[in-house]
Amino acid sequence: STLLQRALGEARGLLAGQPPGAEAAVVLCGSTVEVPRGELSDDLGGVVATLGDVPPSLGACDLSAALLEARRLLGTRPGAVHVFSDEAGPTMIPSAQDELGRLVGAGHALVPHPIHAEPPRNLLPVYAGWEEGLEGGRVVVRVRGWGPVSREAACEVDLPDGERIRVFVEVP
C-alpha cells in the first residue's frame, strides 16, 4: 500500500480506540488544508468516515497552517494533535516551528506518527552516473531487483562536490 493508505489506516485505528465521549476532528494537509467536518465531534464514526477516500496531493503540506487549524479547533481545551506524516521535504518541520511552539505553549500535546516506506531489499545497483543535459545535468541510477513486484526505492547519492541527495528509482 502507499504511505498515504498506511497513514489513513493508522489514523482510523487511533480513532477507533478512543473512549466513548471523546471528541476528535481530522485536519487534512496536502496542497491545501481542509477540515472535513469543520469542528470537533464526539461522533467518532463520522470523523472516521471523513478519512474514506482521501486522494494523494501533488502539493507540499503546509504543516504550519494545519497546526494552526488544529489549535483553532482545540481552543482552550487541552488536547492532543496526532500528526501522521512521511516527513518528506526538508522545510516542512522547520517552517512549522513557530506554530509548534504555540500549540505546545497552549497546553496541547503533539504526537508524531512517522510513516516511512520499508527500506528496499534484494536490490543491486548496476549503474550510477552523471549525464550532462539541460540545467547542468542529472543523476542516473539503474537498479536491478529480484522481488515479486515492481517498486520505487529511495537511494542516497553522494555527488562529487560532497553534497548528498535523495533520488528515487523505479525497480522492475
N, C-alpha and C. Protein backbone atom coordinates (compact mmCIF):
# COMPACT_ATOMS: atom_id res chain seq x y z
N SER A 1 0.84 -1.19 0.00
CA SER A 1 0.00 0.00 0.00
C SER A 1 0.88 1.24 0.00
N THR A 2 0.28 2.37 -0.31
CA THR A 2 1.02 3.63 -0.31
C THR A 2 1.19 4.12 1.13
N LEU A 3 2.10 5.07 1.31
CA LEU A 3 2.28 5.65 2.63
C LEU A 3 1.00 6.35 3.08
N LEU A 4 0.29 6.99 2.15
CA LEU A 4 -0.98 7.63 2.49
C LEU A 4 -1.98 6.60 3.00
N GLN A 5 -2.10 5.48 2.32
CA GLN A 5 -3.03 4.43 2.76
C GLN A 5 -2.66 3.91 4.15
N ARG A 6 -1.36 3.75 4.39
CA ARG A 6 -0.93 3.29 5.72
C ARG A 6 -1.25 4.32 6.79
N ALA A 7 -1.02 5.61 6.49
CA ALA A 7 -1.31 6.67 7.45
C ALA A 7 -2.81 6.71 7.77
N LEU A 8 -3.64 6.59 6.73
CA LEU A 8 -5.09 6.60 6.95
C LEU A 8 -5.51 5.41 7.81
N GLY A 9 -4.94 4.24 7.58
CA GLY A 9 -5.26 3.07 8.38
C GLY A 9 -4.87 3.26 9.84
N GLU A 10 -3.70 3.84 10.07
CA GLU A 10 -3.28 4.09 11.46
C GLU A 10 -4.17 5.14 12.13
N ALA A 11 -4.58 6.15 11.38
CA ALA A 11 -5.47 7.18 11.93
C ALA A 11 -6.83 6.57 12.28
N ARG A 12 -7.33 5.71 11.41
CA ARG A 12 -8.61 5.04 11.71
C ARG A 12 -8.50 4.20 12.99
N GLY A 13 -7.39 3.47 13.13
CA GLY A 13 -7.17 2.66 14.32
C GLY A 13 -7.10 3.51 15.58
N LEU A 14 -6.43 4.64 15.50
CA LEU A 14 -6.34 5.55 16.64
C LEU A 14 -7.72 6.06 17.04
N LEU A 15 -8.50 6.48 16.05
CA LEU A 15 -9.85 6.98 16.34
C LEU A 15 -10.75 5.88 16.90
N ALA A 16 -10.63 4.68 16.37
CA ALA A 16 -11.46 3.56 16.85
C ALA A 16 -11.15 3.20 18.29
N GLY A 17 -9.95 3.50 18.74
CA GLY A 17 -9.56 3.16 20.10
C GLY A 17 -9.87 4.22 21.14
N GLN A 18 -10.51 5.31 20.75
CA GLN A 18 -10.82 6.38 21.69
C GLN A 18 -12.01 6.00 22.57
N PRO A 19 -12.01 6.45 23.82
CA PRO A 19 -13.12 6.11 24.73
C PRO A 19 -14.41 6.83 24.33
N PRO A 20 -15.55 6.29 24.76
CA PRO A 20 -16.83 6.96 24.48
C PRO A 20 -16.81 8.40 24.99
N GLY A 21 -17.38 9.30 24.22
CA GLY A 21 -17.44 10.71 24.61
C GLY A 21 -16.24 11.53 24.17
N ALA A 22 -15.19 10.86 23.69
CA ALA A 22 -14.02 11.60 23.22
C ALA A 22 -14.39 12.39 21.97
N GLU A 23 -13.77 13.53 21.82
CA GLU A 23 -14.02 14.35 20.64
C GLU A 23 -12.77 14.33 19.74
N ALA A 24 -13.02 14.42 18.46
CA ALA A 24 -11.92 14.41 17.50
C ALA A 24 -12.32 15.17 16.26
N ALA A 25 -11.33 15.52 15.48
CA ALA A 25 -11.53 16.13 14.17
C ALA A 25 -10.36 15.70 13.30
N VAL A 26 -10.55 15.77 12.02
CA VAL A 26 -9.49 15.47 11.06
C VAL A 26 -9.12 16.77 10.36
N VAL A 27 -7.81 17.02 10.30
CA VAL A 27 -7.27 18.13 9.53
C VAL A 27 -6.42 17.50 8.44
N LEU A 28 -6.83 17.66 7.20
CA LEU A 28 -6.09 17.10 6.07
C LEU A 28 -5.13 18.14 5.55
N CYS A 29 -3.88 17.75 5.41
CA CYS A 29 -2.85 18.68 4.95
C CYS A 29 -2.22 18.12 3.69
N GLY A 30 -2.57 18.70 2.58
CA GLY A 30 -1.97 18.34 1.30
C GLY A 30 -1.62 19.64 0.61
N SER A 31 -2.03 19.79 -0.63
CA SER A 31 -1.79 21.05 -1.32
C SER A 31 -2.64 22.17 -0.70
N THR A 32 -3.70 21.78 0.03
CA THR A 32 -4.50 22.72 0.82
C THR A 32 -4.74 22.10 2.18
N VAL A 33 -5.20 22.90 3.13
CA VAL A 33 -5.56 22.40 4.46
C VAL A 33 -7.08 22.38 4.53
N GLU A 34 -7.63 21.21 4.91
CA GLU A 34 -9.08 21.07 4.98
C GLU A 34 -9.48 20.43 6.30
N VAL A 35 -10.64 20.84 6.81
CA VAL A 35 -11.25 20.22 7.98
C VAL A 35 -12.61 19.74 7.51
N PRO A 36 -12.73 18.45 7.13
CA PRO A 36 -13.96 17.96 6.51
C PRO A 36 -15.24 18.22 7.31
N ARG A 37 -15.19 18.09 8.63
CA ARG A 37 -16.41 18.31 9.43
C ARG A 37 -16.46 19.70 10.02
N GLY A 38 -15.38 20.44 9.96
CA GLY A 38 -15.38 21.82 10.40
C GLY A 38 -15.19 22.06 11.89
N GLU A 39 -15.35 21.01 12.71
CA GLU A 39 -15.23 21.20 14.16
C GLU A 39 -14.98 19.85 14.83
N LEU A 40 -14.68 19.92 16.13
CA LEU A 40 -14.55 18.69 16.91
C LEU A 40 -15.91 18.02 17.02
N SER A 41 -15.91 16.71 17.08
CA SER A 41 -17.16 15.97 17.16
C SER A 41 -16.97 14.73 18.02
N ASP A 42 -18.01 14.36 18.76
CA ASP A 42 -17.96 13.10 19.51
C ASP A 42 -18.52 11.94 18.69
N ASP A 43 -18.92 12.22 17.46
CA ASP A 43 -19.35 11.18 16.51
C ASP A 43 -18.10 10.63 15.82
N LEU A 44 -17.38 9.76 16.53
CA LEU A 44 -16.10 9.27 16.01
C LEU A 44 -16.28 8.46 14.73
N GLY A 45 -17.41 7.78 14.58
CA GLY A 45 -17.68 7.07 13.34
C GLY A 45 -17.76 8.03 12.16
N GLY A 46 -18.39 9.17 12.39
CA GLY A 46 -18.47 10.18 11.34
C GLY A 46 -17.11 10.80 11.04
N VAL A 47 -16.30 10.97 12.08
CA VAL A 47 -14.95 11.51 11.88
C VAL A 47 -14.12 10.51 11.07
N VAL A 48 -14.23 9.23 11.42
CA VAL A 48 -13.52 8.19 10.67
C VAL A 48 -13.97 8.19 9.20
N ALA A 49 -15.25 8.40 8.98
CA ALA A 49 -15.78 8.40 7.61
C ALA A 49 -15.15 9.49 6.75
N THR A 50 -14.69 10.58 7.37
CA THR A 50 -14.06 11.65 6.59
C THR A 50 -12.71 11.21 6.02
N LEU A 51 -12.20 10.10 6.52
CA LEU A 51 -10.93 9.57 6.01
C LEU A 51 -11.15 8.61 4.85
N GLY A 52 -12.42 8.45 4.43
CA GLY A 52 -12.78 7.47 3.41
C GLY A 52 -11.94 7.47 2.15
N ASP A 53 -12.00 8.48 1.37
CA ASP A 53 -11.32 8.50 0.08
C ASP A 53 -10.44 9.73 -0.04
N VAL A 54 -9.48 9.86 0.84
CA VAL A 54 -8.56 10.99 0.77
C VAL A 54 -7.60 10.73 -0.38
N PRO A 55 -7.63 11.59 -1.39
CA PRO A 55 -6.73 11.38 -2.54
C PRO A 55 -5.33 11.91 -2.22
N PRO A 56 -4.32 11.34 -2.85
CA PRO A 56 -2.98 11.91 -2.68
C PRO A 56 -2.94 13.31 -3.29
N SER A 57 -2.08 14.14 -2.75
CA SER A 57 -1.98 15.52 -3.20
C SER A 57 -0.62 15.73 -3.86
N LEU A 58 -0.60 16.56 -4.88
CA LEU A 58 0.65 16.85 -5.56
C LEU A 58 1.41 17.98 -4.89
N GLY A 59 0.75 18.78 -4.09
CA GLY A 59 1.41 19.91 -3.46
C GLY A 59 2.05 19.54 -2.14
N ALA A 60 2.94 20.39 -1.69
CA ALA A 60 3.59 20.19 -0.40
C ALA A 60 2.60 20.53 0.72
N CYS A 61 2.75 19.87 1.84
CA CYS A 61 1.90 20.13 3.01
C CYS A 61 2.38 21.39 3.73
N ASP A 62 1.46 22.27 4.05
CA ASP A 62 1.77 23.44 4.87
C ASP A 62 1.45 23.04 6.31
N LEU A 63 2.43 22.39 6.97
CA LEU A 63 2.23 21.89 8.32
C LEU A 63 1.87 23.01 9.28
N SER A 64 2.46 24.17 9.12
CA SER A 64 2.15 25.30 10.00
C SER A 64 0.67 25.65 9.93
N ALA A 65 0.10 25.72 8.72
CA ALA A 65 -1.32 26.03 8.56
C ALA A 65 -2.20 24.93 9.15
N ALA A 66 -1.78 23.68 9.00
CA ALA A 66 -2.55 22.57 9.56
C ALA A 66 -2.54 22.61 11.09
N LEU A 67 -1.39 22.92 11.68
CA LEU A 67 -1.31 23.01 13.14
C LEU A 67 -2.10 24.21 13.66
N LEU A 68 -2.10 25.30 12.93
CA LEU A 68 -2.91 26.46 13.30
C LEU A 68 -4.38 26.07 13.33
N GLU A 69 -4.81 25.31 12.32
CA GLU A 69 -6.21 24.86 12.27
C GLU A 69 -6.51 23.93 13.44
N ALA A 70 -5.59 23.04 13.78
CA ALA A 70 -5.78 22.14 14.92
C ALA A 70 -5.88 22.94 16.22
N ARG A 71 -5.04 23.95 16.37
CA ARG A 71 -5.08 24.79 17.58
C ARG A 71 -6.39 25.55 17.65
N ARG A 72 -6.90 26.01 16.50
CA ARG A 72 -8.20 26.69 16.48
C ARG A 72 -9.31 25.74 16.92
N LEU A 73 -9.26 24.49 16.43
CA LEU A 73 -10.28 23.51 16.80
C LEU A 73 -10.27 23.22 18.30
N LEU A 74 -9.09 23.10 18.87
CA LEU A 74 -8.99 22.77 20.29
C LEU A 74 -9.36 23.95 21.18
N GLY A 75 -9.09 25.16 20.74
CA GLY A 75 -9.40 26.33 21.55
C GLY A 75 -8.65 26.28 22.87
N THR A 76 -9.38 26.49 23.95
CA THR A 76 -8.75 26.50 25.27
C THR A 76 -8.78 25.13 25.94
N ARG A 77 -9.47 24.16 25.33
CA ARG A 77 -9.50 22.80 25.90
C ARG A 77 -8.16 22.12 25.66
N PRO A 78 -7.60 21.48 26.67
CA PRO A 78 -6.36 20.74 26.42
C PRO A 78 -6.65 19.54 25.52
N GLY A 79 -5.73 19.22 24.67
CA GLY A 79 -5.94 18.09 23.77
C GLY A 79 -4.64 17.65 23.13
N ALA A 80 -4.74 16.65 22.31
CA ALA A 80 -3.58 16.11 21.61
C ALA A 80 -3.80 16.23 20.10
N VAL A 81 -2.73 16.59 19.42
CA VAL A 81 -2.75 16.67 17.96
C VAL A 81 -1.84 15.54 17.48
N HIS A 82 -2.42 14.62 16.74
CA HIS A 82 -1.67 13.49 16.18
C HIS A 82 -1.34 13.84 14.73
N VAL A 83 -0.05 13.82 14.40
CA VAL A 83 0.40 14.17 13.06
C VAL A 83 0.94 12.92 12.38
N PHE A 84 0.27 12.50 11.32
CA PHE A 84 0.69 11.36 10.51
C PHE A 84 1.40 11.93 9.29
N SER A 85 2.69 11.62 9.17
CA SER A 85 3.46 12.25 8.10
C SER A 85 4.58 11.34 7.62
N ASP A 86 4.89 11.46 6.32
CA ASP A 86 6.07 10.78 5.79
C ASP A 86 7.32 11.63 6.00
N GLU A 87 7.14 12.79 6.61
CA GLU A 87 8.22 13.72 6.93
C GLU A 87 9.04 14.10 5.70
N ALA A 88 8.39 14.10 4.55
CA ALA A 88 9.08 14.44 3.30
C ALA A 88 9.29 15.94 3.21
N GLY A 89 10.33 16.31 2.58
CA GLY A 89 10.63 17.71 2.35
C GLY A 89 11.47 18.29 3.46
N PRO A 90 12.53 18.97 3.10
CA PRO A 90 13.46 19.48 4.11
C PRO A 90 12.95 20.70 4.87
N THR A 91 11.86 21.32 4.41
CA THR A 91 11.41 22.56 5.06
C THR A 91 10.11 22.41 5.84
N MET A 92 9.45 21.26 5.77
CA MET A 92 8.14 21.13 6.40
C MET A 92 8.20 21.38 7.91
N ILE A 93 9.09 20.70 8.62
CA ILE A 93 9.16 20.84 10.08
C ILE A 93 9.76 22.20 10.46
N PRO A 94 10.89 22.62 9.88
CA PRO A 94 11.43 23.92 10.28
C PRO A 94 10.45 25.08 10.04
N SER A 95 9.68 25.02 8.96
CA SER A 95 8.76 26.12 8.68
C SER A 95 7.57 26.13 9.64
N ALA A 96 7.37 25.05 10.38
CA ALA A 96 6.24 24.97 11.31
C ALA A 96 6.66 25.19 12.77
N GLN A 97 7.92 25.53 13.01
CA GLN A 97 8.41 25.64 14.38
C GLN A 97 7.63 26.63 15.23
N ASP A 98 7.32 27.79 14.68
CA ASP A 98 6.59 28.79 15.46
C ASP A 98 5.22 28.25 15.87
N GLU A 99 4.52 27.65 14.93
CA GLU A 99 3.19 27.12 15.25
C GLU A 99 3.27 25.93 16.21
N LEU A 100 4.32 25.13 16.07
CA LEU A 100 4.53 24.03 17.03
C LEU A 100 4.67 24.60 18.44
N GLY A 101 5.46 25.67 18.56
CA GLY A 101 5.65 26.30 19.86
C GLY A 101 4.35 26.85 20.43
N ARG A 102 3.52 27.46 19.59
CA ARG A 102 2.24 28.00 20.05
C ARG A 102 1.30 26.88 20.51
N LEU A 103 1.30 25.79 19.77
CA LEU A 103 0.43 24.65 20.10
C LEU A 103 0.80 24.07 21.46
N VAL A 104 2.08 23.81 21.65
CA VAL A 104 2.55 23.24 22.91
C VAL A 104 2.42 24.27 24.04
N GLY A 105 2.70 25.53 23.72
CA GLY A 105 2.56 26.59 24.72
C GLY A 105 1.14 26.77 25.21
N ALA A 106 0.17 26.40 24.40
CA ALA A 106 -1.25 26.48 24.79
C ALA A 106 -1.67 25.27 25.61
N GLY A 107 -0.74 24.36 25.90
CA GLY A 107 -1.06 23.20 26.74
C GLY A 107 -1.47 21.96 25.98
N HIS A 108 -1.33 21.97 24.67
CA HIS A 108 -1.69 20.81 23.87
C HIS A 108 -0.47 19.91 23.65
N ALA A 109 -0.74 18.66 23.43
CA ALA A 109 0.34 17.71 23.13
C ALA A 109 0.40 17.49 21.63
N LEU A 110 1.60 17.27 21.13
CA LEU A 110 1.78 16.93 19.73
C LEU A 110 2.37 15.52 19.69
N VAL A 111 1.68 14.62 19.02
CA VAL A 111 2.11 13.23 18.94
C VAL A 111 2.45 12.90 17.49
N PRO A 112 3.75 12.75 17.17
CA PRO A 112 4.11 12.42 15.79
C PRO A 112 3.90 10.94 15.49
N HIS A 113 3.43 10.66 14.30
CA HIS A 113 3.28 9.30 13.80
C HIS A 113 4.01 9.23 12.46
N PRO A 114 5.33 9.03 12.47
CA PRO A 114 6.05 8.97 11.19
C PRO A 114 5.66 7.73 10.41
N ILE A 115 5.40 7.92 9.14
CA ILE A 115 5.05 6.82 8.24
C ILE A 115 6.15 6.74 7.19
N HIS A 116 6.93 5.69 7.25
CA HIS A 116 8.05 5.56 6.33
C HIS A 116 7.92 4.29 5.51
N ALA A 117 8.48 4.34 4.34
CA ALA A 117 8.50 3.16 3.47
C ALA A 117 9.50 2.15 4.02
N GLU A 118 9.22 0.89 3.76
CA GLU A 118 10.19 -0.12 4.13
C GLU A 118 11.44 0.09 3.31
N PRO A 119 12.61 -0.12 3.93
CA PRO A 119 13.82 0.03 3.13
C PRO A 119 13.86 -1.03 2.04
N PRO A 120 14.38 -0.66 0.88
CA PRO A 120 14.44 -1.64 -0.20
C PRO A 120 15.38 -2.78 0.15
N ARG A 121 15.02 -3.97 -0.30
CA ARG A 121 15.84 -5.15 -0.05
C ARG A 121 16.01 -5.90 -1.36
N ASN A 122 17.07 -6.66 -1.42
CA ASN A 122 17.34 -7.53 -2.56
C ASN A 122 17.45 -6.73 -3.86
N LEU A 123 18.14 -5.58 -3.77
CA LEU A 123 18.37 -4.73 -4.92
C LEU A 123 19.86 -4.62 -5.18
N LEU A 124 20.22 -4.46 -6.43
CA LEU A 124 21.63 -4.33 -6.80
C LEU A 124 21.79 -3.14 -7.74
N PRO A 125 22.58 -2.12 -7.33
CA PRO A 125 22.86 -1.03 -8.26
C PRO A 125 23.71 -1.56 -9.41
N VAL A 126 23.28 -1.32 -10.64
CA VAL A 126 24.05 -1.78 -11.79
C VAL A 126 24.70 -0.61 -12.53
N TYR A 127 24.25 0.61 -12.26
CA TYR A 127 24.86 1.78 -12.87
C TYR A 127 24.50 3.01 -12.06
N ALA A 128 25.47 3.87 -11.86
CA ALA A 128 25.22 5.18 -11.26
C ALA A 128 26.15 6.16 -11.95
N GLY A 129 25.60 7.25 -12.43
CA GLY A 129 26.44 8.21 -13.12
C GLY A 129 25.76 9.53 -13.32
N TRP A 130 26.50 10.44 -13.89
CA TRP A 130 26.03 11.80 -14.18
C TRP A 130 25.93 11.94 -15.68
N GLU A 131 24.82 12.44 -16.14
CA GLU A 131 24.65 12.70 -17.56
C GLU A 131 24.44 14.19 -17.75
N GLU A 132 25.28 14.78 -18.61
CA GLU A 132 25.15 16.20 -18.92
C GLU A 132 23.83 16.44 -19.62
N GLY A 133 23.26 17.61 -19.40
CA GLY A 133 22.00 17.93 -20.04
C GLY A 133 21.56 19.34 -19.72
N LEU A 134 20.29 19.61 -19.95
CA LEU A 134 19.73 20.92 -19.65
C LEU A 134 19.89 21.21 -18.17
N GLU A 135 20.09 22.47 -17.84
CA GLU A 135 20.23 22.91 -16.46
C GLU A 135 21.35 22.15 -15.75
N GLY A 136 22.39 21.79 -16.44
CA GLY A 136 23.54 21.16 -15.81
C GLY A 136 23.64 19.67 -16.03
N GLY A 137 22.56 18.97 -15.79
CA GLY A 137 22.58 17.53 -15.98
C GLY A 137 21.70 16.82 -14.97
N ARG A 138 21.92 15.52 -14.87
CA ARG A 138 21.08 14.74 -13.95
C ARG A 138 21.83 13.50 -13.48
N VAL A 139 21.44 13.02 -12.32
CA VAL A 139 21.96 11.78 -11.78
C VAL A 139 21.13 10.65 -12.37
N VAL A 140 21.80 9.62 -12.86
CA VAL A 140 21.11 8.46 -13.40
C VAL A 140 21.52 7.24 -12.57
N VAL A 141 20.53 6.55 -12.06
CA VAL A 141 20.78 5.34 -11.27
C VAL A 141 19.93 4.22 -11.85
N ARG A 142 20.57 3.09 -12.12
CA ARG A 142 19.83 1.91 -12.58
C ARG A 142 20.03 0.82 -11.54
N VAL A 143 18.93 0.20 -11.17
CA VAL A 143 18.95 -0.81 -10.11
C VAL A 143 18.24 -2.05 -10.61
N ARG A 144 18.75 -3.19 -10.24
CA ARG A 144 18.12 -4.48 -10.56
C ARG A 144 17.50 -5.02 -9.30
N GLY A 145 16.27 -5.52 -9.39
CA GLY A 145 15.59 -6.09 -8.23
C GLY A 145 15.17 -7.52 -8.48
N TRP A 146 15.07 -8.29 -7.41
CA TRP A 146 14.65 -9.68 -7.52
C TRP A 146 13.38 -9.96 -6.73
N GLY A 147 12.66 -8.92 -6.35
CA GLY A 147 11.43 -9.12 -5.60
C GLY A 147 10.27 -9.49 -6.51
N PRO A 148 9.13 -9.81 -5.91
CA PRO A 148 7.98 -10.24 -6.69
C PRO A 148 7.20 -9.11 -7.37
N VAL A 149 7.43 -7.86 -6.97
CA VAL A 149 6.66 -6.75 -7.54
C VAL A 149 7.60 -5.58 -7.86
N SER A 150 7.16 -4.74 -8.79
CA SER A 150 7.90 -3.51 -9.05
C SER A 150 7.70 -2.58 -7.88
N ARG A 151 8.71 -1.75 -7.63
CA ARG A 151 8.58 -0.80 -6.54
C ARG A 151 9.48 0.39 -6.77
N GLU A 152 9.16 1.46 -6.07
CA GLU A 152 10.01 2.63 -6.08
C GLU A 152 10.90 2.55 -4.86
N ALA A 153 12.18 2.83 -5.02
CA ALA A 153 13.12 2.77 -3.91
C ALA A 153 13.85 4.10 -3.78
N ALA A 154 14.04 4.53 -2.56
CA ALA A 154 14.81 5.75 -2.29
C ALA A 154 16.28 5.37 -2.17
N CYS A 155 17.13 6.19 -2.76
CA CYS A 155 18.57 5.95 -2.71
C CYS A 155 19.26 7.25 -2.30
N GLU A 156 20.33 7.13 -1.54
CA GLU A 156 21.17 8.28 -1.21
C GLU A 156 22.32 8.29 -2.22
N VAL A 157 22.57 9.44 -2.81
CA VAL A 157 23.64 9.57 -3.79
C VAL A 157 24.61 10.65 -3.31
N ASP A 158 25.89 10.30 -3.23
CA ASP A 158 26.93 11.26 -2.90
C ASP A 158 27.45 11.87 -4.19
N LEU A 159 27.33 13.19 -4.33
CA LEU A 159 27.80 13.89 -5.52
C LEU A 159 29.28 14.23 -5.38
N PRO A 160 29.95 14.48 -6.49
CA PRO A 160 31.39 14.78 -6.44
C PRO A 160 31.74 15.98 -5.56
N ASP A 161 30.82 16.94 -5.43
CA ASP A 161 31.12 18.13 -4.61
C ASP A 161 30.89 17.88 -3.12
N GLY A 162 30.55 16.63 -2.75
CA GLY A 162 30.35 16.28 -1.35
C GLY A 162 28.90 16.36 -0.89
N GLU A 163 28.03 16.94 -1.70
CA GLU A 163 26.62 17.02 -1.33
C GLU A 163 25.97 15.65 -1.46
N ARG A 164 25.06 15.34 -0.55
CA ARG A 164 24.31 14.08 -0.60
C ARG A 164 22.86 14.41 -0.92
N ILE A 165 22.32 13.71 -1.91
CA ILE A 165 20.93 13.95 -2.29
C ILE A 165 20.17 12.62 -2.26
N ARG A 166 18.86 12.72 -2.17
CA ARG A 166 18.00 11.55 -2.21
C ARG A 166 17.36 11.49 -3.59
N VAL A 167 17.43 10.34 -4.21
CA VAL A 167 16.79 10.13 -5.50
C VAL A 167 15.90 8.90 -5.39
N PHE A 168 14.97 8.81 -6.31
CA PHE A 168 14.06 7.67 -6.32
C PHE A 168 14.25 6.93 -7.63
N VAL A 169 14.28 5.60 -7.55
CA VAL A 169 14.41 4.78 -8.75
C VAL A 169 13.24 3.81 -8.80
N GLU A 170 12.76 3.56 -10.00
CA GLU A 170 11.71 2.58 -10.20
C GLU A 170 12.40 1.25 -10.48
N VAL A 171 12.13 0.25 -9.64
CA VAL A 171 12.81 -1.03 -9.74
C VAL A 171 11.83 -2.06 -10.27
N PRO A 172 12.09 -2.57 -11.51
CA PRO A 172 11.17 -3.59 -12.05
C PRO A 172 11.33 -4.92 -11.32
